[in-house]
Amino acid sequence: MKKTLCAALTAVLTLSLLSACAGGAPQKQADLSEFAKSLQEKYEFASYLMEMTPEYEYFEEDMERALPELLDLDLEQ
């Protein structure tokens, strides 16, 4: 009796795991370039990024506020 019950429970568990792994609808591929374009249209952060060059008037102050001591490091690209 115990062996039959264990075998039945094992079969039920195995079938439930296999049915969970069987799939469903295939996933849609994400279009990241379209997502980035929609963000750039909705929010105006691209113009701010263009301003953050060393020629920008408040470059050092903004960099020090956002990323303290980064300009003090001797970095190479």
N, C-alpha and C. Protein backbone atom coordinates (compact mmCIF):
# COMPACT_ATOMS: atom_id res chain seq x y z
N MET A 1 0.82 -1.19 0.00
CA MET A 1 0.00 0.00 0.00
C MET A 1 0.87 1.26 0.00
N LYS A 2 1.90 1.30 0.88
CA LYS A 2 2.76 2.47 0.96
C LYS A 2 3.55 2.66 -0.33
N LYS A 3 4.00 1.55 -0.93
CA LYS A 3 4.76 1.64 -2.17
C LYS A 3 3.89 2.18 -3.30
N THR A 4 2.66 1.73 -3.35
CA THR A 4 1.73 2.19 -4.39
C THR A 4 1.43 3.68 -4.22
N LEU A 5 1.24 4.10 -2.98
CA LEU A 5 0.95 5.50 -2.70
C LEU A 5 2.15 6.38 -3.05
N CYS A 6 3.36 5.92 -2.70
CA CYS A 6 4.57 6.68 -3.04
C CYS A 6 4.76 6.76 -4.55
N ALA A 7 4.51 5.67 -5.26
CA ALA A 7 4.64 5.67 -6.71
C ALA A 7 3.62 6.60 -7.35
N ALA A 8 2.39 6.60 -6.83
CA ALA A 8 1.35 7.48 -7.37
C ALA A 8 1.69 8.95 -7.11
N LEU A 9 2.17 9.25 -5.91
CA LEU A 9 2.55 10.64 -5.60
C LEU A 9 3.74 11.09 -6.43
N THR A 10 4.69 10.19 -6.65
CA THR A 10 5.84 10.51 -7.49
C THR A 10 5.41 10.79 -8.92
N ALA A 11 4.49 9.98 -9.43
CA ALA A 11 3.98 10.19 -10.78
C ALA A 11 3.25 11.52 -10.90
N VAL A 12 2.43 11.83 -9.91
CA VAL A 12 1.69 13.11 -9.93
C VAL A 12 2.66 14.28 -9.87
N LEU A 13 3.66 14.21 -9.02
CA LEU A 13 4.64 15.28 -8.89
C LEU A 13 5.44 15.45 -10.17
N THR A 14 5.85 14.33 -10.77
CA THR A 14 6.60 14.39 -12.02
C THR A 14 5.76 15.00 -13.13
N LEU A 15 4.52 14.59 -13.24
CA LEU A 15 3.64 15.15 -14.28
C LEU A 15 3.37 16.63 -14.06
N SER A 16 3.22 17.04 -12.81
CA SER A 16 2.97 18.46 -12.56
C SER A 16 4.20 19.30 -12.89
N LEU A 17 5.40 18.79 -12.61
CA LEU A 17 6.62 19.50 -12.97
C LEU A 17 6.78 19.58 -14.48
N LEU A 18 6.49 18.50 -15.17
CA LEU A 18 6.60 18.51 -16.63
C LEU A 18 5.59 19.45 -17.27
N SER A 19 4.39 19.52 -16.73
CA SER A 19 3.39 20.41 -17.30
C SER A 19 3.75 21.88 -17.03
N ALA A 20 4.42 22.15 -15.91
CA ALA A 20 4.84 23.52 -15.62
C ALA A 20 5.96 23.95 -16.55
N CYS A 21 6.80 23.01 -16.97
CA CYS A 21 7.92 23.32 -17.86
C CYS A 21 7.52 23.29 -19.32
N ALA A 22 6.31 22.88 -19.62
CA ALA A 22 5.91 22.67 -21.01
C ALA A 22 5.84 23.96 -21.81
N GLY A 23 5.77 25.09 -21.18
CA GLY A 23 5.82 26.30 -21.97
C GLY A 23 4.64 27.19 -21.77
N GLY A 24 4.08 27.62 -22.79
CA GLY A 24 3.03 28.61 -22.81
C GLY A 24 3.24 29.40 -24.08
N ALA A 25 2.87 30.64 -24.04
CA ALA A 25 3.05 31.50 -25.21
C ALA A 25 4.53 31.86 -25.37
N PRO A 26 5.03 31.89 -26.60
CA PRO A 26 6.42 32.30 -26.79
C PRO A 26 6.59 33.77 -26.42
N GLN A 27 7.74 34.09 -25.86
CA GLN A 27 7.98 35.46 -25.42
C GLN A 27 8.30 36.36 -26.60
N LYS A 28 7.84 37.58 -26.49
CA LYS A 28 8.07 38.57 -27.54
C LYS A 28 9.44 39.20 -27.34
N GLN A 29 10.18 39.41 -28.42
CA GLN A 29 11.50 40.02 -28.35
C GLN A 29 11.35 41.52 -28.10
N ALA A 30 12.12 42.05 -27.18
CA ALA A 30 12.05 43.47 -26.83
C ALA A 30 12.83 44.30 -27.85
N ASP A 31 12.26 45.43 -28.26
CA ASP A 31 12.92 46.36 -29.15
C ASP A 31 13.47 47.51 -28.32
N LEU A 32 14.74 47.40 -27.93
CA LEU A 32 15.33 48.38 -27.02
C LEU A 32 15.55 49.73 -27.69
N SER A 33 15.81 49.75 -28.98
CA SER A 33 16.01 51.04 -29.65
C SER A 33 14.70 51.83 -29.67
N GLU A 34 13.59 51.16 -29.86
CA GLU A 34 12.28 51.83 -29.82
C GLU A 34 11.97 52.32 -28.40
N PHE A 35 12.34 51.53 -27.41
CA PHE A 35 12.13 51.92 -26.02
C PHE A 35 12.96 53.17 -25.68
N ALA A 36 14.22 53.19 -26.11
CA ALA A 36 15.07 54.36 -25.86
C ALA A 36 14.53 55.59 -26.57
N LYS A 37 14.05 55.41 -27.79
CA LYS A 37 13.50 56.53 -28.54
C LYS A 37 12.26 57.09 -27.85
N SER A 38 11.41 56.22 -27.31
CA SER A 38 10.21 56.69 -26.62
C SER A 38 10.57 57.44 -25.34
N LEU A 39 11.62 57.00 -24.65
CA LEU A 39 12.06 57.72 -23.45
C LEU A 39 12.61 59.10 -23.79
N GLN A 40 13.37 59.17 -24.89
CA GLN A 40 13.94 60.45 -25.28
C GLN A 40 12.86 61.43 -25.73
N GLU A 41 11.79 60.92 -26.32
CA GLU A 41 10.70 61.81 -26.71
C GLU A 41 9.90 62.27 -25.50
N LYS A 42 9.75 61.40 -24.52
CA LYS A 42 8.93 61.72 -23.36
C LYS A 42 9.67 62.61 -22.36
N TYR A 43 10.95 62.35 -22.14
CA TYR A 43 11.74 63.11 -21.17
C TYR A 43 12.87 63.83 -21.88
N GLU A 44 13.16 65.01 -21.44
CA GLU A 44 14.22 65.78 -22.08
C GLU A 44 15.51 65.70 -21.29
N PHE A 45 16.09 64.51 -21.23
CA PHE A 45 17.36 64.37 -20.55
C PHE A 45 18.53 64.38 -21.53
N ALA A 46 18.26 64.19 -22.81
CA ALA A 46 19.33 64.17 -23.80
C ALA A 46 20.01 65.53 -23.90
N SER A 47 19.26 66.61 -23.80
CA SER A 47 19.87 67.94 -23.88
C SER A 47 20.77 68.19 -22.67
N TYR A 48 20.39 67.67 -21.52
CA TYR A 48 21.22 67.82 -20.34
C TYR A 48 22.54 67.07 -20.50
N LEU A 49 22.48 65.88 -21.10
CA LEU A 49 23.70 65.11 -21.28
C LEU A 49 24.65 65.79 -22.25
N MET A 50 24.13 66.50 -23.20
CA MET A 50 24.99 67.22 -24.13
C MET A 50 25.70 68.38 -23.43
N GLU A 51 25.07 68.96 -22.46
CA GLU A 51 25.67 70.09 -21.75
C GLU A 51 26.81 69.67 -20.84
N MET A 52 26.83 68.43 -20.41
CA MET A 52 27.85 67.98 -19.46
C MET A 52 29.16 67.65 -20.17
N THR A 53 29.78 68.63 -20.75
CA THR A 53 31.10 68.50 -21.34
C THR A 53 32.04 69.42 -20.57
N PRO A 54 33.32 69.22 -20.66
CA PRO A 54 34.24 70.11 -19.93
C PRO A 54 34.10 71.57 -20.32
N GLU A 55 33.55 71.86 -21.50
CA GLU A 55 33.35 73.25 -21.90
C GLU A 55 32.13 73.87 -21.24
N TYR A 56 31.28 73.06 -20.66
CA TYR A 56 30.07 73.53 -19.98
C TYR A 56 30.49 74.40 -18.79
N GLU A 57 29.82 75.53 -18.62
CA GLU A 57 30.22 76.55 -17.64
C GLU A 57 30.29 76.00 -16.22
N TYR A 58 29.34 75.18 -15.82
CA TYR A 58 29.28 74.66 -14.45
C TYR A 58 29.67 73.18 -14.37
N PHE A 59 30.50 72.75 -15.29
CA PHE A 59 30.87 71.33 -15.37
C PHE A 59 31.48 70.82 -14.07
N GLU A 60 32.50 71.51 -13.57
CA GLU A 60 33.20 71.04 -12.38
C GLU A 60 32.30 71.04 -11.15
N GLU A 61 31.47 72.07 -11.00
CA GLU A 61 30.57 72.13 -9.85
C GLU A 61 29.53 71.00 -9.90
N ASP A 62 28.96 70.78 -11.09
CA ASP A 62 27.95 69.72 -11.23
C ASP A 62 28.56 68.34 -11.03
N MET A 63 29.76 68.12 -11.57
CA MET A 63 30.42 66.82 -11.41
C MET A 63 30.78 66.58 -9.95
N GLU A 64 31.23 67.61 -9.27
CA GLU A 64 31.59 67.45 -7.85
C GLU A 64 30.36 67.15 -7.01
N ARG A 65 29.23 67.76 -7.36
CA ARG A 65 27.99 67.52 -6.62
C ARG A 65 27.44 66.12 -6.91
N ALA A 66 27.50 65.69 -8.16
CA ALA A 66 26.93 64.39 -8.54
C ALA A 66 27.88 63.24 -8.21
N LEU A 67 29.16 63.41 -8.50
CA LEU A 67 30.15 62.34 -8.30
C LEU A 67 31.37 62.92 -7.58
N PRO A 68 31.30 63.05 -6.28
CA PRO A 68 32.38 63.69 -5.52
C PRO A 68 33.73 63.01 -5.75
N GLU A 69 34.75 63.81 -5.92
CA GLU A 69 36.15 63.40 -6.05
C GLU A 69 36.46 62.62 -7.32
N LEU A 70 35.55 62.54 -8.25
CA LEU A 70 35.83 61.83 -9.50
C LEU A 70 36.84 62.59 -10.34
N LEU A 71 36.73 63.91 -10.37
CA LEU A 71 37.66 64.71 -11.19
C LEU A 71 39.05 64.71 -10.60
N ASP A 72 39.22 64.37 -9.33
CA ASP A 72 40.53 64.33 -8.70
C ASP A 72 41.33 63.08 -9.07
N LEU A 73 40.66 62.06 -9.58
CA LEU A 73 41.32 60.81 -9.94
C LEU A 73 42.07 60.95 -11.25
N ASP A 74 43.18 60.26 -11.36
CA ASP A 74 43.97 60.24 -12.59
C ASP A 74 43.49 59.07 -13.44
N LEU A 75 42.54 59.30 -14.32
CA LEU A 75 41.89 58.24 -15.09
C LEU A 75 42.38 58.26 -16.53
N GLU A 76 42.46 57.09 -17.12
CA GLU A 76 42.77 56.95 -18.55
C GLU A 76 41.69 56.16 -19.21
N GLN A 77 41.43 56.48 -20.47
CA GLN A 77 40.40 55.75 -21.19
C GLN A 77 41.03 54.69 -22.06
